[in-house]
Protein backbone atom coordinates (compact mmCIF):
# COMPACT_ATOMS: atom_id res chain seq x y z
CA UNK A 1 103.43 30.49 -29.18
CA UNK A 2 100.48 32.98 -29.10
CA UNK A 3 101.51 36.04 -27.77
CA UNK A 4 98.60 36.23 -25.87
CA UNK A 5 99.35 33.25 -23.78
CA UNK A 6 102.20 35.42 -22.02
CA UNK A 7 100.39 38.39 -21.79
CA UNK A 8 100.35 38.66 -18.33
CA UNK A 9 104.01 38.85 -17.97
CA UNK A 10 103.45 42.62 -19.00
CA UNK A 11 101.56 43.40 -15.57
CA UNK A 12 104.76 42.06 -13.74
CA UNK A 13 107.97 43.56 -12.49
CA UNK A 14 110.79 43.76 -14.75
CA UNK A 15 112.70 41.70 -12.24
CA UNK A 16 110.28 39.17 -12.20
CA UNK A 17 110.49 38.92 -16.09
CA UNK A 18 113.82 38.42 -15.83
CA UNK A 19 113.89 35.79 -13.20
CA UNK A 20 110.95 34.00 -15.44
CA UNK A 21 113.22 34.03 -18.55
CA UNK A 22 116.36 32.98 -16.79
CA UNK A 23 114.03 30.07 -15.27
CA UNK A 24 112.88 29.27 -19.12
CA UNK A 25 116.39 29.22 -20.08
CA UNK A 26 117.27 26.75 -17.98
CA UNK A 27 114.28 24.36 -18.49
CA UNK A 28 115.29 24.62 -22.27
CA UNK A 29 119.10 24.10 -21.96
CA UNK A 30 119.67 22.19 -18.68
CA UNK A 31 117.12 18.74 -19.50
CA UNK A 32 118.81 17.96 -22.49
CA UNK A 33 119.13 14.26 -24.17
CA UNK A 34 121.82 12.32 -22.81
CA UNK A 35 122.91 12.05 -26.79
CA UNK A 36 124.10 15.53 -26.81
CA UNK A 37 126.26 15.03 -24.32
CA UNK A 38 128.02 12.01 -26.05
CA UNK A 39 128.28 13.54 -29.28
CA UNK A 40 129.69 16.54 -27.38
CA UNK A 41 132.15 13.97 -25.84
CA UNK A 42 132.92 12.43 -29.46
CA UNK A 43 133.93 16.12 -30.91
CA UNK A 44 136.74 15.90 -28.42
CA UNK A 45 138.53 12.69 -29.70
CA UNK A 46 138.61 14.55 -33.64
CA UNK A 47 140.23 17.67 -34.61
CA UNK A 48 138.14 20.40 -34.34
CA UNK A 49 138.33 20.46 -38.54
CA UNK A 50 136.65 17.27 -38.67
CA UNK A 51 134.46 18.57 -35.86
CA UNK A 52 133.21 21.36 -37.72
CA UNK A 53 132.30 19.09 -41.11
CA UNK A 54 130.14 16.99 -38.57
CA UNK A 55 128.62 19.24 -37.40
CA UNK A 56 127.86 20.87 -40.74
CA UNK A 57 126.85 17.99 -42.86
CA UNK A 58 125.40 15.94 -40.09
CA UNK A 59 124.47 17.98 -37.60
CA UNK A 60 122.59 20.89 -38.89
CA UNK A 61 122.54 24.66 -37.39
CA UNK A 62 119.84 23.38 -34.17
CA UNK A 63 121.77 20.37 -33.02
CA UNK A 64 125.28 21.97 -33.56
CA UNK A 65 124.27 25.04 -31.31
CA UNK A 66 123.17 22.48 -28.97
CA UNK A 67 126.61 20.37 -28.71
CA UNK A 68 128.53 23.77 -28.65
CA UNK A 69 126.58 24.41 -25.61
CA UNK A 70 127.97 21.47 -23.77
CA UNK A 71 131.27 21.83 -25.00
CA UNK A 72 134.51 23.71 -23.07
CA UNK A 73 134.19 26.87 -24.38
CA UNK A 74 137.71 26.97 -25.96
CA UNK A 75 137.18 23.91 -28.05
CA UNK A 76 133.46 25.26 -29.03
CA UNK A 77 135.42 28.37 -30.20
CA UNK A 78 137.74 26.31 -32.45
CA UNK A 79 135.16 24.11 -33.88
CA UNK A 80 132.92 27.35 -34.88
CA UNK A 81 136.51 28.90 -36.38
CA UNK A 82 136.44 25.86 -38.92
CA UNK A 83 133.03 26.60 -39.94
CA UNK A 84 131.13 28.75 -42.57
CA UNK A 85 130.28 32.13 -41.38
CA UNK A 86 126.64 31.58 -42.68
CA UNK A 87 126.18 28.31 -40.85
CA UNK A 88 127.56 29.87 -37.59
CA UNK A 89 124.99 32.99 -37.90
CA UNK A 90 122.00 30.44 -38.37
CA UNK A 91 123.56 28.20 -35.08
CA UNK A 92 123.83 31.43 -33.16
CA UNK A 93 120.16 31.88 -32.61
CA UNK A 94 120.25 28.12 -31.06
CA UNK A 95 123.13 28.86 -28.66
CA UNK A 96 122.42 28.38 -24.71
CA UNK A 97 122.62 32.39 -24.15
CA UNK A 98 124.45 31.71 -20.80
CA UNK A 99 127.57 30.21 -22.97
CA UNK A 100 127.91 33.28 -25.32
CA UNK A 101 130.33 35.27 -23.31
CA UNK A 102 132.56 32.51 -23.15
CA UNK A 103 132.88 31.64 -26.30
CA UNK A 104 132.88 35.04 -27.44
CA UNK A 105 135.81 36.14 -25.43
CA UNK A 106 137.54 33.13 -27.43
CA UNK A 107 136.91 33.89 -30.82
CA UNK A 108 138.73 35.22 -33.59
CA UNK A 109 137.82 39.06 -33.72
CA UNK A 110 137.93 38.81 -37.22
CA UNK A 111 135.46 36.11 -37.56
CA UNK A 112 133.23 38.28 -34.78
CA UNK A 113 132.40 41.24 -37.24
CA UNK A 114 131.95 38.49 -40.15
CA UNK A 115 129.44 36.82 -38.49
CA UNK A 116 127.71 39.68 -36.83
CA UNK A 117 127.35 41.61 -40.27
CA UNK A 118 125.93 38.29 -41.50
CA UNK A 119 123.09 38.31 -38.72
CA UNK A 120 122.57 42.27 -39.58
CA UNK A 121 122.20 41.42 -43.57
CA UNK A 122 119.60 38.74 -42.16
CA UNK A 123 117.51 40.69 -40.12
CA UNK A 124 117.99 38.35 -36.69
CA UNK A 125 117.80 41.20 -34.28
CA UNK A 126 116.73 38.84 -31.40
CA UNK A 127 119.86 37.31 -31.67
CA UNK A 128 121.90 40.18 -32.31
CA UNK A 129 120.50 41.76 -28.89
CA UNK A 130 121.90 38.67 -27.20
CA UNK A 131 125.41 38.75 -28.62
CA UNK A 132 125.84 42.91 -28.95
CA UNK A 133 126.50 43.27 -25.22
CA UNK A 134 129.40 40.38 -25.14
CA UNK A 135 131.37 42.34 -27.60
CA UNK A 136 134.41 44.35 -27.18
CA UNK A 137 134.52 47.73 -28.16
CA UNK A 138 137.28 46.97 -30.83
CA UNK A 139 135.03 44.62 -32.40
CA UNK A 140 131.81 47.06 -32.20
CA UNK A 141 133.62 50.15 -33.53
CA UNK A 142 134.19 47.67 -36.96
CA UNK A 143 130.53 46.37 -36.70
CA UNK A 144 128.81 49.26 -36.50
CA UNK A 145 129.65 51.12 -39.84
CA UNK A 146 128.42 47.97 -41.80
CA UNK A 147 124.89 47.73 -39.80
CA UNK A 148 121.75 50.08 -41.26
CA UNK A 149 120.63 52.75 -38.53
CA UNK A 150 117.31 50.56 -38.67
CA UNK A 151 119.49 47.15 -37.15
CA UNK A 152 121.21 49.29 -35.12
CA UNK A 153 117.85 50.17 -33.33
CA UNK A 154 116.11 47.33 -33.42
CA UNK A 155 119.09 45.08 -31.70
CA UNK A 156 119.25 48.36 -29.11
CA UNK A 157 115.77 47.17 -28.57
CA UNK A 158 116.50 43.63 -28.15
CA UNK A 159 119.44 43.35 -26.07
CA UNK A 160 120.35 41.26 -23.19
CA UNK A 161 122.44 43.82 -21.36
CA UNK A 162 120.85 46.67 -21.67
CA UNK A 163 123.94 48.35 -18.96
CA UNK A 164 125.97 48.01 -21.63
CA UNK A 165 123.77 50.07 -24.21
CA UNK A 166 125.65 53.19 -22.84
CA UNK A 167 128.92 52.47 -23.73
CA UNK A 168 127.82 50.98 -27.41
CA UNK A 169 126.30 54.66 -27.77
CA UNK A 170 129.18 56.46 -26.48
CA UNK A 171 131.18 53.94 -29.72
CA UNK A 172 129.00 55.27 -32.35
CA UNK A 173 129.71 58.92 -31.66
CA UNK A 174 127.45 62.01 -32.41
CA UNK A 175 127.19 61.86 -35.95
CA UNK A 176 125.86 58.19 -36.35
CA UNK A 177 123.73 58.29 -33.11
CA UNK A 178 121.89 61.29 -34.95
CA UNK A 179 121.48 59.18 -38.03
CA UNK A 180 119.74 56.37 -35.86
CA UNK A 181 117.43 58.68 -33.90
CA UNK A 182 116.29 60.47 -37.58
CA UNK A 183 115.76 56.28 -38.53
CA UNK A 184 113.34 56.01 -36.17
CA UNK A 185 110.47 58.48 -37.73
CA UNK A 186 110.58 55.46 -40.07
CA UNK A 187 107.91 53.77 -37.63
CA UNK A 188 110.71 52.87 -35.27
CA UNK A 189 110.23 55.55 -32.55
CA UNK A 190 108.25 53.00 -30.04
CA UNK A 191 111.34 51.05 -30.11
CA UNK A 192 113.25 54.33 -30.09
CA UNK A 193 111.60 55.15 -26.82
CA UNK A 194 112.29 51.60 -25.13
CA UNK A 195 116.27 51.85 -25.70
CA UNK A 196 116.20 55.68 -24.26
CA UNK A 197 114.59 54.78 -21.36
CA UNK A 198 117.47 51.92 -20.85
CA UNK A 199 119.95 54.24 -21.33
CA UNK A 200 121.56 55.89 -18.23
CA UNK A 201 123.51 59.10 -17.08
CA UNK A 202 124.57 61.93 -19.87
CA UNK A 203 123.67 59.66 -22.98
CA UNK A 204 120.25 59.83 -21.99
CA UNK A 205 120.17 63.11 -21.81
CA UNK A 206 121.89 63.50 -24.95
CA UNK A 207 119.38 61.14 -26.90
CA UNK A 208 116.58 63.45 -25.28
CA UNK A 209 118.32 66.72 -27.08
CA UNK A 210 119.03 64.93 -30.29
CA UNK A 211 115.62 63.70 -30.85
CA UNK A 212 114.38 67.38 -29.84
CA UNK A 213 116.32 68.58 -32.71
CA UNK A 214 114.87 67.08 -35.44
CA UNK A 215 112.87 68.59 -38.14
CA UNK A 216 109.48 69.36 -36.59
CA UNK A 217 107.39 66.89 -38.72
CA UNK A 218 109.57 63.90 -37.57
CA UNK A 219 108.97 64.81 -33.86
CA UNK A 220 105.79 65.44 -34.20
CA UNK A 221 105.43 61.81 -35.71
CA UNK A 222 107.16 60.95 -32.25
CA UNK A 223 104.46 62.18 -30.12
CA UNK A 224 101.49 61.07 -32.40
CA UNK A 225 102.79 57.51 -32.20
CA UNK A 226 103.32 58.00 -28.80
CA UNK A 227 99.41 58.87 -28.18
CA UNK A 228 98.35 56.11 -30.33
CA UNK A 229 99.91 53.64 -28.58
CA UNK A 230 99.91 55.27 -24.97
CA UNK A 231 103.99 55.70 -24.78
CA UNK A 232 103.66 59.16 -22.28
CA UNK A 233 105.20 57.04 -19.60
CA UNK A 234 108.60 56.55 -21.89
CA UNK A 235 108.38 60.14 -23.66
CA UNK A 236 107.75 62.50 -20.47
CA UNK A 237 110.78 61.13 -18.33
CA UNK A 238 112.83 62.12 -21.95
CA UNK A 239 111.36 65.23 -22.60
CA UNK A 240 111.83 66.21 -18.56
CA UNK A 241 115.63 66.08 -19.66
CA UNK A 242 115.09 68.86 -21.96
CA UNK A 243 116.79 72.36 -21.40
CA UNK A 244 114.18 75.67 -21.79
CA UNK A 245 114.77 75.81 -25.57
CA UNK A 246 114.40 72.32 -26.47
CA UNK A 247 111.29 71.98 -24.30
CA UNK A 248 110.22 75.24 -26.20
CA UNK A 249 110.35 73.24 -29.64
CA UNK A 250 108.37 70.36 -28.32
CA UNK A 251 105.91 72.57 -27.06
CA UNK A 252 104.65 74.43 -30.37
CA UNK A 253 104.38 70.87 -32.09
CA UNK A 254 101.17 70.71 -33.84
CA UNK A 255 100.30 67.24 -32.12
CA UNK A 256 100.35 69.00 -28.97
CA UNK A 257 97.01 71.23 -29.92
CA UNK A 258 94.90 68.24 -30.48
CA UNK A 259 92.13 68.17 -27.28
CA UNK A 260 92.46 64.06 -27.64
CA UNK A 261 96.05 63.94 -27.39
CA UNK A 262 96.19 66.61 -24.55
CA UNK A 263 93.39 64.96 -23.01
CA UNK A 264 95.33 61.46 -23.69
CA UNK A 265 98.31 63.12 -21.77
CA UNK A 266 96.67 64.04 -18.59
CA UNK A 267 95.19 60.68 -18.21
CA UNK A 268 98.49 58.87 -18.64
CA UNK A 269 100.20 61.63 -15.86
CA UNK A 270 97.68 60.61 -13.39
CA UNK A 271 98.26 57.36 -14.15
CA UNK A 272 101.69 56.95 -13.54
CA UNK A 273 102.15 60.20 -11.59
CA UNK A 274 104.57 61.69 -13.70
CA UNK A 275 103.67 65.50 -13.12
CA UNK A 276 106.76 66.83 -12.19
CA UNK A 277 108.04 65.62 -15.78
CA UNK A 278 104.85 67.06 -17.45
CA UNK A 279 104.16 70.59 -16.23
CA UNK A 280 107.01 72.46 -17.20
CA UNK A 281 105.71 71.44 -20.56
CA UNK A 282 102.71 72.17 -19.70
CA UNK A 283 103.59 75.72 -19.25
CA UNK A 284 105.24 75.98 -22.41
CA UNK A 285 102.21 75.33 -24.21
CA UNK A 286 100.28 77.61 -26.43
CA UNK A 287 97.51 79.48 -24.35
CA UNK A 288 94.40 76.99 -26.01
CA UNK A 289 96.39 74.15 -25.35
CA UNK A 290 97.18 74.84 -21.51
CA UNK A 291 93.27 75.67 -21.12
CA UNK A 292 92.62 72.11 -22.94
CA UNK A 293 94.93 70.66 -20.36
CA UNK A 294 93.13 72.65 -17.26
CA UNK A 295 89.93 71.41 -18.28
CA UNK A 296 91.19 67.97 -18.42
CA UNK A 297 92.92 68.56 -14.88
CA UNK A 298 89.71 70.12 -13.81
CA UNK A 299 87.66 67.42 -14.66
CA UNK A 300 89.47 64.55 -12.60
CA UNK A 301 87.84 63.33 -9.92
CA UNK A 302 88.46 64.68 -6.09
CA UNK A 303 90.63 62.06 -4.95
CA UNK A 304 92.96 62.14 -8.71
CA UNK A 305 93.23 65.94 -7.84
CA UNK A 306 94.41 65.47 -4.03
CA UNK A 307 97.02 63.33 -5.39
CA UNK A 308 97.93 65.47 -8.06
CA UNK A 309 97.89 68.52 -5.19
CA UNK A 310 100.16 66.58 -2.82
CA UNK A 311 102.39 65.74 -5.74
CA UNK A 312 102.75 69.29 -6.69
CA UNK A 313 103.14 70.25 -3.35
CA UNK A 314 105.88 67.64 -2.67
CA UNK A 315 107.85 68.88 -5.87
CA UNK A 316 107.45 72.27 -5.12
CA UNK A 317 105.83 73.07 -8.54
CA UNK A 318 102.91 75.68 -7.39
CA UNK A 319 104.07 78.63 -9.66
CA UNK A 320 103.87 75.94 -12.81
CA UNK A 321 100.18 74.57 -11.39
CA UNK A 322 98.40 78.01 -10.23
CA UNK A 323 98.53 79.29 -14.10
CA UNK A 324 96.96 76.39 -15.21
CA UNK A 325 94.44 76.84 -12.37
CA UNK A 326 93.76 80.36 -13.49
CA UNK A 327 92.62 78.70 -16.74
CA UNK A 328 89.60 76.36 -14.88
CA UNK A 329 86.50 77.47 -14.65
CA UNK A 330 85.08 78.84 -11.29
CA UNK A 331 83.65 75.56 -10.31
CA UNK A 332 86.83 73.64 -11.03
CA UNK A 333 89.13 76.34 -9.10
CA UNK A 334 86.46 75.81 -6.11
CA UNK A 335 87.45 72.28 -5.80
CA UNK A 336 90.80 72.59 -6.26
CA UNK A 337 90.71 75.06 -3.55
CA UNK A 338 88.85 73.08 -0.87
CA UNK A 339 90.85 69.92 -1.50
CA UNK A 340 92.59 68.82 1.55
CA UNK A 341 96.11 68.94 -0.33
CA UNK A 342 95.15 72.39 -1.01
CA UNK A 343 94.01 73.44 2.03
CA UNK A 344 97.34 71.70 3.89
CA UNK A 345 99.48 73.34 1.98
CA UNK A 346 97.93 76.71 2.50
CA UNK A 347 97.90 75.87 6.03
């Protein structure tokens, strides 16, 4: 399918996209030929080993997965345990996602580990993403040491159950998590930002701090990629979680001395309303960088400036904003002080 054909989905709310996907899965797996149900019924009449041999030699991975989706979960697991790992791993990509938790729960853990490692070797991140959120802690603890850092990151990006990410990250431990974050510098910063955005609670702040602790050249590459791909809406909420000393390490990065990058940040913040997340960082920028931010803010339209002022007042951020206002031209200062929001605040 041409990606452009479903590009409209990017503008929809997340819940609507999830609902669309559920409907698509139902359309793919519920309206199946009667033949599949007949094959599934026939497999109940023979031993699991015989059914496995038929699946491998007569059906192939795609059709075998379709039949497994029509079987009772315990019976499907019995047959899967008789199949070669390579065949099962290939079949996993074609299994009805709604059947995954029931079947995985009945598989021998040793087999689950071997299948997962095989999927990692094949680079099938999408299929791994469907399964990983359903695996037990004991299985994940055995699988993770055998999966490269980049694969862990790509799988997290594709995970079907993002609410499980915090649990998985906790299982990884600090040293492995740091290693995975470091691997993002090899072209995977967008995936890393997406994963961090799906994580909640203390683990999210932990990711932000580990990222800020990366060598300056890696951290600078993160800012560069963010600017190039317009990912400020993903990065700024993470930056806002950093304590002051870690925030200073970000503020002095070479990329944040670029007028183009800084102007892009301001435009992105105007569009997202993330002033409260950005302004503490802006306060710590070198003076020449703060001047660029001030000029970019001064170039905003009156409605945009008024919206900024109201958000600043709402968040009580005037102590951060006023030093930037001081760096503006006299003309821009006059515009700021004449804004309805500023007048309301002053009153």
